[in-house]
Amino acid sequence: MAELTNVAFFKAKPGRSEELAAALLALVSPSLQEAGSLRYEIFQSKDSLENWMVVEDWRYSSDFDEHMATSYVRDFLSKVPDLCVTDVEIRGFQQRSAPHA
């Protein structure tokens, strides 16, 4: 079970949504190969195509800390000011209901 679930929100600048999509999707494979990574999924809003969400589960909070220190995440975060209207908003959650099988 995940110790930490993060939900990260991004809003692309006008005309930059596809670039943001490519950059976000490029994070999936290497993130899933990291120790402690249980889930790493990208979602686009049905209502506003500029709005994106990343949902990620980590076995331990320390695994997420290591993820944020990787070169590919740091490289991605350096592009956020050019691609997004605002900084990324990351919210951390802890599961309270029993997981279903």
N, C-alpha and C. Protein backbone atom coordinates (compact mmCIF):
# COMPACT_ATOMS: atom_id res chain seq x y z
N MET A 1 0.84 -1.18 0.00
CA MET A 1 0.00 0.00 0.00
C MET A 1 0.89 1.24 0.00
N ALA A 2 0.41 2.27 -0.65
CA ALA A 2 1.16 3.51 -0.75
C ALA A 2 1.11 4.30 0.55
N GLU A 3 2.25 4.80 0.95
CA GLU A 3 2.31 5.71 2.09
C GLU A 3 1.90 7.11 1.66
N LEU A 4 2.13 7.42 0.37
CA LEU A 4 1.89 8.77 -0.12
C LEU A 4 1.27 8.73 -1.51
N THR A 5 0.18 9.47 -1.68
CA THR A 5 -0.40 9.70 -3.00
C THR A 5 -0.31 11.19 -3.26
N ASN A 6 0.29 11.54 -4.39
CA ASN A 6 0.38 12.94 -4.78
C ASN A 6 -0.50 13.18 -5.99
N VAL A 7 -1.12 14.33 -6.00
CA VAL A 7 -1.86 14.79 -7.17
C VAL A 7 -1.25 16.14 -7.53
N ALA A 8 -0.74 16.23 -8.75
CA ALA A 8 -0.11 17.46 -9.22
C ALA A 8 -0.96 18.07 -10.33
N PHE A 9 -1.15 19.38 -10.26
CA PHE A 9 -2.01 20.09 -11.21
C PHE A 9 -1.17 21.06 -12.05
N PHE A 10 -1.46 21.08 -13.35
CA PHE A 10 -0.77 21.95 -14.30
C PHE A 10 -1.80 22.62 -15.19
N LYS A 11 -1.56 23.88 -15.53
CA LYS A 11 -2.41 24.57 -16.51
C LYS A 11 -1.49 25.13 -17.59
N ALA A 12 -1.64 24.57 -18.79
CA ALA A 12 -0.79 24.97 -19.91
C ALA A 12 -1.11 26.38 -20.36
N LYS A 13 -0.06 27.08 -20.82
CA LYS A 13 -0.26 28.37 -21.46
C LYS A 13 -1.02 28.14 -22.76
N PRO A 14 -1.73 29.17 -23.26
CA PRO A 14 -2.45 29.01 -24.52
C PRO A 14 -1.51 28.53 -25.63
N GLY A 15 -1.95 27.49 -26.33
CA GLY A 15 -1.18 26.94 -27.43
C GLY A 15 -0.04 26.02 -27.02
N ARG A 16 0.14 25.77 -25.72
CA ARG A 16 1.27 24.94 -25.25
C ARG A 16 0.82 23.60 -24.66
N SER A 17 -0.46 23.28 -24.76
CA SER A 17 -0.98 22.07 -24.13
C SER A 17 -0.34 20.80 -24.69
N GLU A 18 -0.13 20.73 -25.98
CA GLU A 18 0.46 19.52 -26.56
C GLU A 18 1.91 19.36 -26.14
N GLU A 19 2.64 20.46 -26.03
CA GLU A 19 4.02 20.40 -25.54
C GLU A 19 4.06 19.93 -24.09
N LEU A 20 3.15 20.45 -23.28
CA LEU A 20 3.06 20.02 -21.89
C LEU A 20 2.71 18.54 -21.83
N ALA A 21 1.78 18.10 -22.66
CA ALA A 21 1.40 16.69 -22.70
C ALA A 21 2.61 15.82 -22.99
N ALA A 22 3.38 16.17 -23.98
CA ALA A 22 4.56 15.37 -24.35
C ALA A 22 5.56 15.32 -23.20
N ALA A 23 5.76 16.44 -22.54
CA ALA A 23 6.72 16.50 -21.43
C ALA A 23 6.22 15.66 -20.25
N LEU A 24 4.94 15.73 -19.96
CA LEU A 24 4.38 14.94 -18.86
C LEU A 24 4.43 13.45 -19.17
N LEU A 25 4.04 13.08 -20.38
CA LEU A 25 4.02 11.67 -20.76
C LEU A 25 5.42 11.07 -20.77
N ALA A 26 6.43 11.89 -21.05
CA ALA A 26 7.81 11.40 -21.04
C ALA A 26 8.28 11.03 -19.63
N LEU A 27 7.59 11.50 -18.61
CA LEU A 27 7.94 11.19 -17.22
C LEU A 27 7.44 9.81 -16.78
N VAL A 28 6.45 9.28 -17.46
CA VAL A 28 5.77 8.07 -16.99
C VAL A 28 6.72 6.87 -16.90
N SER A 29 7.34 6.51 -17.98
CA SER A 29 8.16 5.30 -17.99
C SER A 29 9.31 5.34 -16.98
N PRO A 30 10.13 6.39 -16.96
CA PRO A 30 11.21 6.38 -15.97
C PRO A 30 10.70 6.46 -14.53
N SER A 31 9.58 7.14 -14.32
CA SER A 31 9.04 7.23 -12.96
C SER A 31 8.57 5.87 -12.47
N LEU A 32 7.92 5.10 -13.33
CA LEU A 32 7.43 3.77 -12.94
C LEU A 32 8.56 2.79 -12.68
N GLN A 33 9.75 3.07 -13.20
CA GLN A 33 10.91 2.20 -12.97
C GLN A 33 11.63 2.52 -11.67
N GLU A 34 11.26 3.60 -11.01
CA GLU A 34 11.92 3.98 -9.77
C GLU A 34 11.49 3.08 -8.61
N ALA A 35 12.42 2.90 -7.68
CA ALA A 35 12.11 2.15 -6.47
C ALA A 35 10.99 2.88 -5.72
N GLY A 36 10.00 2.13 -5.31
CA GLY A 36 8.92 2.72 -4.53
C GLY A 36 7.78 3.31 -5.33
N SER A 37 7.90 3.37 -6.65
CA SER A 37 6.83 3.90 -7.48
C SER A 37 5.78 2.84 -7.69
N LEU A 38 4.54 3.14 -7.31
CA LEU A 38 3.44 2.20 -7.44
C LEU A 38 2.45 2.60 -8.52
N ARG A 39 2.40 3.89 -8.83
CA ARG A 39 1.45 4.40 -9.82
C ARG A 39 1.96 5.75 -10.31
N TYR A 40 1.84 5.99 -11.62
CA TYR A 40 2.21 7.28 -12.17
C TYR A 40 1.38 7.47 -13.44
N GLU A 41 0.31 8.25 -13.34
CA GLU A 41 -0.65 8.39 -14.44
C GLU A 41 -0.91 9.86 -14.75
N ILE A 42 -1.12 10.13 -16.03
CA ILE A 42 -1.35 11.49 -16.53
C ILE A 42 -2.80 11.59 -17.00
N PHE A 43 -3.47 12.67 -16.62
CA PHE A 43 -4.86 12.92 -17.01
C PHE A 43 -4.99 14.32 -17.60
N GLN A 44 -5.86 14.45 -18.61
CA GLN A 44 -6.20 15.76 -19.18
C GLN A 44 -7.67 16.03 -18.90
N SER A 45 -7.98 17.25 -18.53
CA SER A 45 -9.36 17.63 -18.23
C SER A 45 -10.25 17.50 -19.47
N LYS A 46 -11.44 17.00 -19.27
CA LYS A 46 -12.43 16.94 -20.35
C LYS A 46 -13.03 18.30 -20.61
N ASP A 47 -13.02 19.17 -19.61
CA ASP A 47 -13.68 20.47 -19.71
C ASP A 47 -12.77 21.57 -20.23
N SER A 48 -11.49 21.48 -19.92
CA SER A 48 -10.53 22.50 -20.34
C SER A 48 -9.23 21.80 -20.70
N LEU A 49 -8.93 21.72 -21.98
CA LEU A 49 -7.80 20.94 -22.46
C LEU A 49 -6.45 21.46 -21.99
N GLU A 50 -6.42 22.63 -21.39
CA GLU A 50 -5.17 23.18 -20.85
C GLU A 50 -4.85 22.61 -19.47
N ASN A 51 -5.83 21.99 -18.82
CA ASN A 51 -5.65 21.50 -17.46
C ASN A 51 -5.23 20.03 -17.45
N TRP A 52 -4.14 19.77 -16.73
CA TRP A 52 -3.56 18.44 -16.64
C TRP A 52 -3.38 18.06 -15.17
N MET A 53 -3.38 16.74 -14.93
CA MET A 53 -3.22 16.24 -13.58
C MET A 53 -2.33 14.99 -13.63
N VAL A 54 -1.43 14.89 -12.67
CA VAL A 54 -0.61 13.70 -12.50
C VAL A 54 -1.00 13.08 -11.17
N VAL A 55 -1.29 11.78 -11.17
CA VAL A 55 -1.61 11.05 -9.95
C VAL A 55 -0.51 10.01 -9.76
N GLU A 56 0.12 10.07 -8.59
CA GLU A 56 1.24 9.17 -8.34
C GLU A 56 1.18 8.61 -6.93
N ASP A 57 1.45 7.32 -6.82
CA ASP A 57 1.50 6.64 -5.54
C ASP A 57 2.94 6.20 -5.29
N TRP A 58 3.38 6.44 -4.05
CA TRP A 58 4.73 6.07 -3.64
C TRP A 58 4.67 5.23 -2.38
N ARG A 59 5.48 4.18 -2.36
CA ARG A 59 5.50 3.28 -1.19
C ARG A 59 5.89 4.07 0.06
N TYR A 60 6.89 4.94 -0.05
CA TYR A 60 7.33 5.76 1.08
C TYR A 60 7.52 7.20 0.62
N SER A 61 7.35 8.13 1.53
CA SER A 61 7.58 9.55 1.21
C SER A 61 9.00 9.78 0.73
N SER A 62 9.95 9.04 1.28
CA SER A 62 11.34 9.19 0.87
C SER A 62 11.54 8.80 -0.60
N ASP A 63 10.73 7.87 -1.12
CA ASP A 63 10.81 7.51 -2.54
C ASP A 63 10.41 8.70 -3.41
N PHE A 64 9.38 9.43 -2.97
CA PHE A 64 8.97 10.62 -3.71
C PHE A 64 10.08 11.67 -3.67
N ASP A 65 10.70 11.84 -2.52
CA ASP A 65 11.80 12.81 -2.40
C ASP A 65 12.92 12.47 -3.39
N GLU A 66 13.25 11.19 -3.49
CA GLU A 66 14.28 10.76 -4.44
C GLU A 66 13.83 10.99 -5.88
N HIS A 67 12.56 10.76 -6.16
CA HIS A 67 11.99 11.01 -7.49
C HIS A 67 12.17 12.48 -7.88
N MET A 68 11.86 13.37 -6.95
CA MET A 68 11.96 14.81 -7.25
C MET A 68 13.40 15.25 -7.49
N ALA A 69 14.36 14.49 -7.02
CA ALA A 69 15.78 14.83 -7.19
C ALA A 69 16.39 14.26 -8.47
N THR A 70 15.63 13.44 -9.21
CA THR A 70 16.18 12.86 -10.44
C THR A 70 16.41 13.95 -11.49
N SER A 71 17.34 13.68 -12.37
CA SER A 71 17.67 14.68 -13.40
C SER A 71 16.50 14.91 -14.35
N TYR A 72 15.74 13.88 -14.68
CA TYR A 72 14.64 14.08 -15.63
C TYR A 72 13.49 14.87 -15.01
N VAL A 73 13.25 14.74 -13.72
CA VAL A 73 12.21 15.55 -13.07
C VAL A 73 12.69 16.99 -12.95
N ARG A 74 13.94 17.19 -12.56
CA ARG A 74 14.48 18.55 -12.47
C ARG A 74 14.45 19.23 -13.83
N ASP A 75 14.78 18.49 -14.89
CA ASP A 75 14.73 19.04 -16.25
C ASP A 75 13.30 19.44 -16.62
N PHE A 76 12.34 18.56 -16.31
CA PHE A 76 10.94 18.87 -16.58
C PHE A 76 10.50 20.12 -15.83
N LEU A 77 10.82 20.19 -14.54
CA LEU A 77 10.40 21.34 -13.73
C LEU A 77 11.01 22.65 -14.23
N SER A 78 12.18 22.59 -14.85
CA SER A 78 12.78 23.81 -15.41
C SER A 78 11.99 24.32 -16.61
N LYS A 79 11.20 23.45 -17.27
CA LYS A 79 10.39 23.83 -18.43
C LYS A 79 9.01 24.36 -18.04
N VAL A 80 8.58 24.08 -16.81
CA VAL A 80 7.23 24.45 -16.37
C VAL A 80 6.93 25.95 -16.55
N PRO A 81 7.85 26.86 -16.21
CA PRO A 81 7.53 28.28 -16.40
C PRO A 81 7.23 28.67 -17.86
N ASP A 82 7.84 27.97 -18.80
CA ASP A 82 7.58 28.26 -20.22
C ASP A 82 6.30 27.61 -20.72
N LEU A 83 5.91 26.49 -20.12
CA LEU A 83 4.77 25.73 -20.59
C LEU A 83 3.47 26.04 -19.85
N CYS A 84 3.58 26.49 -18.61
CA CYS A 84 2.40 26.62 -17.75
C CYS A 84 2.14 28.05 -17.30
N VAL A 85 0.88 28.32 -17.04
CA VAL A 85 0.44 29.63 -16.57
C VAL A 85 0.97 29.90 -15.16
N THR A 86 0.96 28.87 -14.33
CA THR A 86 1.42 29.00 -12.94
C THR A 86 2.37 27.86 -12.60
N ASP A 87 2.98 27.93 -11.43
CA ASP A 87 3.81 26.82 -10.96
C ASP A 87 2.95 25.59 -10.74
N VAL A 88 3.58 24.44 -10.76
CA VAL A 88 2.88 23.19 -10.46
C VAL A 88 2.35 23.25 -9.03
N GLU A 89 1.15 22.72 -8.85
CA GLU A 89 0.56 22.61 -7.51
C GLU A 89 0.52 21.13 -7.17
N ILE A 90 1.25 20.73 -6.14
CA ILE A 90 1.30 19.33 -5.72
C ILE A 90 0.62 19.20 -4.37
N ARG A 91 -0.36 18.31 -4.31
CA ARG A 91 -1.06 18.04 -3.05
C ARG A 91 -0.82 16.59 -2.67
N GLY A 92 -0.40 16.37 -1.43
CA GLY A 92 -0.14 15.02 -0.94
C GLY A 92 -1.33 14.50 -0.15
N PHE A 93 -1.61 13.21 -0.33
CA PHE A 93 -2.74 12.58 0.34
C PHE A 93 -2.30 11.24 0.94
N GLN A 94 -3.00 10.85 1.99
CA GLN A 94 -2.79 9.55 2.61
C GLN A 94 -4.13 8.81 2.57
N GLN A 95 -4.12 7.57 2.09
CA GLN A 95 -5.35 6.79 1.96
C GLN A 95 -5.92 6.46 3.33
N ARG A 96 -7.21 6.64 3.51
CA ARG A 96 -7.87 6.36 4.77
C ARG A 96 -8.85 5.18 4.67
N SER A 97 -9.36 4.89 3.49
CA SER A 97 -10.23 3.74 3.33
C SER A 97 -9.39 2.52 3.03
N ALA A 98 -9.98 1.36 3.23
CA ALA A 98 -9.27 0.11 2.93
C ALA A 98 -9.13 -0.03 1.42
N PRO A 99 -7.97 -0.45 0.94
CA PRO A 99 -7.82 -0.66 -0.51
C PRO A 99 -8.69 -1.82 -0.97
N HIS A 100 -9.22 -1.76 -2.19
CA HIS A 100 -10.01 -2.88 -2.69
C HIS A 100 -9.14 -3.73 -3.61
N ALA A 101 -9.43 -4.99 -3.61
CA ALA A 101 -8.63 -5.96 -4.36
C ALA A 101 -8.92 -5.93 -5.83
